[in-house]
Amino acid sequence: MTTPDIPNGHRSADIQFSATPWGYTKLWLVNLLLTLATLGIYGAWAKVRNNQYLYGHTNIEGHRLQYLAKPLQILQGRLLALGVLLIIMGVSYIEPMAAVVAYLILLALSPWLIVQGLKFTYRNTSYRNVRFDFKGSYIDAFVNFILLPVLSVFTLFLAFPWVLKRIHQFMFGNCEYGGERLTLNTSAGEYYKASAVVVGAYFILFMVLTAAFGGTMALLVGAGADPSDAEAFSQQMSALIFPFIAAFYALPYLLQALFSAMIRNHIVNNLNAEDLAQFKSNITVGGYLSVAMTNALLILFTLGLGYPAAKVRKMRYLASKTQVELSPRIDHMANQVDGNDSAFGEEAAGVFDTDLSII
């Protein structure tokens, strides 16, 4: 639903996400089974169908997002990336010293893979039949993804929040829509604040869990548990240890969610396309943590099969807390991008474990 916002024609619109956990889970499971049955070949079609479902259920002012990549593009990119990986593994097996050279070459190529992967993703995303685009360069990717993270090691990672700010600015600030560049003016101070909270929370929670675990073990032995009776002692241990295993499992999810909850509002609220759109996010730390923690438990207790439902729950929450202010000019934008790019960069990023996630 949209409502008038200011007299000059700008209007505020909600982002409506209508996908359902069960609807996406059914699609995801069918695609998974078909991918396994075809030894991975159907995976390209599965990726397109999954993305089309999620994009197609994202609606702004009655216009849905579209995912326009073709399965054959993705399959070709995956086969090429897999071929490169097999060559590197073969070289490593035959001549270990040559493998060092191969991995150095791959390191030098990784900024290009990142740029090509982001370009493919953006160019195959459209709104109002206008594709997005990405204009990041190899040099900027090299500086932000390789040089600065390496240099941050020599600061004992004290510079890493600033590096992360630059990475986000590279990923969003080089995006274009209809030829208009988006800008992201974030503050390093917000990243340092969020990082400090996460580090403090980690040490406090880790110490509490460790102390509680030690105390539980002491009580178990003090209550008369006999370590020499291996079977009985093992059963008692299992019953008491499981909650701690679950807690330690959930700890990374909690910390990641805490950081994301604190920094996402700052990113979205400072992202805009001049005279086209401005964004607003009002998620709460408590609300985001609640979704993240219940999703972590859902994935754990379903042995991973709850992943699609968890993804929908997260996207639904984020969409419900995000609004966009649109100008009348958005109604007259024309597409300036074709969709013939190779998927090699994006698929190679996955094969070589290059993380392109946002937050």
Foldseek 3Di string as FASTA:
>chain_A
DKDDDDDQFWIKKFKFADDALVNLLVLLVVQVVVCVVVVNLSVLVSVQVSVQNRQQRIDIPNWTKGQADDSVLQSVLQVVLVVLVVVLVVCCVVPVVVNVVSVVVVLLCLLVLLQLQLQLRQQRIDTPPAGKGFDADSVLSCCLVPVVVVVCVVVVVPCVLVSLVSLLQNSQQRMGTLNFGKGWDFDSVLSNVLVVVLVVVVVVLVVVLVVVVVVVVVVCVVVPDDVVVPVVNVVVCVVVCVVSVLVVQCSVLLSVLSSCQSCVQRGQQRIDGPQFKHKGFDGHSVVSSVLSSVQSVQCVVVVNSSVSNSVSSNVNRRSRRMMMIGHPVNVPRDYDGDNPRRNNSSSSCVVVVPDPDND
